Amino acid sequence: MNDQNVQIFTLSTCGHCKSTKKFLEKYSVNYDCVDVDLLDRDQQKEILENIKILNPKLSFPTIVIGDKVIVGYKENEIKEALGL
């Protein structure tokens, strides 16, 4: 099983974000998730600044697998990055 650090930045109401979570769960991938829209204003500002470095368009989901950044729900890219 993949032991890379997986982190996803999502919006709680985003369909693509929900699909990404379900996909990761289907493959039993452990991940850390931040629902950016549910953070308080100060936390949100800080997280958005960090996401902007990874994904200047600030679109969601933003998925970080090891040192690879995937923007959007792209099953094939996620599988490849995870070695599935």
C-alpha atoms as a PDB file:
ATOM      1  CA  MET A   1       0.000   0.000   0.000  1.00  0.00           C
ATOM      2  CA  ASN A   2       1.091   3.519  -0.701  1.00  0.00           C
ATOM      3  CA  ASP A   3       2.773   5.229   2.224  1.00  0.00           C
ATOM      4  CA  GLN A   4       3.106   8.694   0.717  1.00  0.00           C
ATOM      5  CA  ASN A   5       1.687  11.652   2.571  1.00  0.00           C
ATOM      6  CA  VAL A   6      -1.629  12.602   0.970  1.00  0.00           C
ATOM      7  CA  GLN A   7      -3.339  15.897   1.682  1.00  0.00           C
ATOM      8  CA  ILE A   8      -6.396  17.339  -0.002  1.00  0.00           C
ATOM      9  CA  PHE A   9      -7.784  20.832   0.153  1.00  0.00           C
ATOM     10  CA  THR A  10     -11.508  20.912  -0.584  1.00  0.00           C
ATOM     11  CA  LEU A  11     -14.731  22.826  -0.296  1.00  0.00           C
ATOM     12  CA  SER A  12     -17.457  21.060   1.683  1.00  0.00           C
ATOM     13  CA  THR A  13     -20.068  21.664  -1.041  1.00  0.00           C
ATOM     14  CA  CYS A  14     -17.902  20.750  -4.057  1.00  0.00           C
ATOM     15  CA  GLY A  15     -18.999  17.660  -5.991  1.00  0.00           C
ATOM     16  CA  HIS A  16     -15.517  16.994  -7.398  1.00  0.00           C
ATOM     17  CA  CYS A  17     -14.096  17.262  -3.888  1.00  0.00           C
ATOM     18  CA  LYS A  18     -16.608  14.718  -2.578  1.00  0.00           C
ATOM     19  CA  SER A  19     -15.759  12.391  -5.472  1.00  0.00           C
ATOM     20  CA  THR A  20     -12.059  12.689  -4.649  1.00  0.00           C
ATOM     21  CA  LYS A  21     -12.679  11.720  -1.021  1.00  0.00           C
ATOM     22  CA  LYS A  22     -14.811   8.721  -2.066  1.00  0.00           C
ATOM     23  CA  PHE A  23     -12.126   7.649  -4.549  1.00  0.00           C
ATOM     24  CA  LEU A  24      -9.395   7.757  -1.904  1.00  0.00           C
ATOM     25  CA  GLU A  25     -11.587   5.882   0.554  1.00  0.00           C
ATOM     26  CA  LYS A  26     -12.390   3.231  -2.089  1.00  0.00           C
ATOM     27  CA  TYR A  27      -8.668   2.480  -2.336  1.00  0.00           C
ATOM     28  CA  SER A  28      -8.165   2.721   1.451  1.00  0.00           C
ATOM     29  CA  VAL A  29      -5.792   5.662   1.083  1.00  0.00           C
ATOM     30  CA  ASN A  30      -5.116   7.531   4.311  1.00  0.00           C
ATOM     31  CA  TYR A  31      -5.299  11.260   3.750  1.00  0.00           C
ATOM     32  CA  ASP A  32      -5.556  14.546   5.567  1.00  0.00           C
ATOM     33  CA  CYS A  33      -8.378  16.778   4.394  1.00  0.00           C
ATOM     34  CA  VAL A  34      -8.982  20.472   4.943  1.00  0.00           C
ATOM     35  CA  ASP A  35     -12.449  21.784   4.050  1.00  0.00           C
ATOM     36  CA  VAL A  36     -11.298  25.333   3.437  1.00  0.00           C
ATOM     37  CA  ASP A  37     -14.787  26.870   3.516  1.00  0.00           C
ATOM     38  CA  LEU A  38     -15.396  25.519   7.033  1.00  0.00           C
ATOM     39  CA  LEU A  39     -12.339  27.206   8.567  1.00  0.00           C
ATOM     40  CA  ASP A  40     -12.559  30.460  10.465  1.00  0.00           C
ATOM     41  CA  ARG A  41     -11.541  33.565   8.546  1.00  0.00           C
ATOM     42  CA  ASP A  42      -7.948  33.733   9.806  1.00  0.00           C
ATOM     43  CA  GLN A  43      -7.261  30.026   9.219  1.00  0.00           C
ATOM     44  CA  GLN A  44      -8.888  30.263   5.798  1.00  0.00           C
ATOM     45  CA  LYS A  45      -6.665  33.171   4.785  1.00  0.00           C
ATOM     46  CA  GLU A  46      -3.521  31.324   5.854  1.00  0.00           C
ATOM     47  CA  ILE A  47      -4.486  28.070   4.098  1.00  0.00           C
ATOM     48  CA  LEU A  48      -5.468  29.900   0.892  1.00  0.00           C
ATOM     49  CA  GLU A  49      -2.058  31.589   0.798  1.00  0.00           C
ATOM     50  CA  ASN A  50      -0.408  28.157   1.067  1.00  0.00           C
ATOM     51  CA  ILE A  51      -2.679  26.614  -1.579  1.00  0.00           C
ATOM     52  CA  LYS A  52      -1.964  29.492  -3.950  1.00  0.00           C
ATOM     53  CA  ILE A  53       1.706  28.465  -3.966  1.00  0.00           C
ATOM     54  CA  LEU A  54       0.687  24.967  -5.104  1.00  0.00           C
ATOM     55  CA  ASN A  55      -2.243  25.997  -7.296  1.00  0.00           C
ATOM     56  CA  PRO A  56      -2.279  29.688  -8.305  1.00  0.00           C
ATOM     57  CA  LYS A  57      -5.877  29.446  -9.591  1.00  0.00           C
ATOM     58  CA  LEU A  58      -7.080  28.329  -6.140  1.00  0.00           C
ATOM     59  CA  SER A  59      -9.391  25.715  -7.624  1.00  0.00           C
ATOM     60  CA  PHE A  60     -10.608  22.664  -5.757  1.00  0.00           C
ATOM     61  CA  PRO A  61      -9.842  19.985  -4.996  1.00  0.00           C
ATOM     62  CA  THR A  62      -6.119  20.540  -4.704  1.00  0.00           C
ATOM     63  CA  ILE A  63      -4.468  17.202  -3.981  1.00  0.00           C
ATOM     64  CA  VAL A  64      -0.909  16.817  -2.731  1.00  0.00           C
ATOM     65  CA  ILE A  65       0.586  13.326  -2.962  1.00  0.00           C
ATOM     66  CA  GLY A  66       4.188  13.336  -1.824  1.00  0.00           C
ATOM     67  CA  ASP A  67       5.719  16.134  -3.899  1.00  0.00           C
ATOM     68  CA  LYS A  68       3.132  15.946  -6.707  1.00  0.00           C
ATOM     69  CA  VAL A  69       0.229  18.391  -6.922  1.00  0.00           C
ATOM     70  CA  ILE A  70      -2.945  17.410  -8.774  1.00  0.00           C
ATOM     71  CA  VAL A  71      -5.629  20.007  -9.354  1.00  0.00           C
ATOM     72  CA  GLY A  72      -9.115  18.644  -9.862  1.00  0.00           C
ATOM     73  CA  TYR A  73     -10.595  15.169  -9.691  1.00  0.00           C
ATOM     74  CA  LYS A  74      -8.371  13.279 -12.120  1.00  0.00           C
ATOM     75  CA  GLU A  75      -8.596   9.573 -11.308  1.00  0.00           C
ATOM     76  CA  ASN A  76      -5.773   8.461 -13.601  1.00  0.00           C
ATOM     77  CA  GLU A  77      -3.329  11.061 -12.290  1.00  0.00           C
ATOM     78  CA  ILE A  78      -4.248  10.243  -8.696  1.00  0.00           C
ATOM     79  CA  LYS A  79      -3.802   6.504  -9.321  1.00  0.00           C
ATOM     80  CA  GLU A  80      -0.445   7.090 -10.975  1.00  0.00           C
ATOM     81  CA  ALA A  81       0.795   9.311  -8.153  1.00  0.00           C
ATOM     82  CA  LEU A  82      -0.311   6.701  -5.610  1.00  0.00           C
ATOM     83  CA  GLY A  83       1.131   3.801  -7.586  1.00  0.00           C
ATOM     84  CA  LEU A  84      -2.247   2.049  -7.839  1.00  0.00           C
END
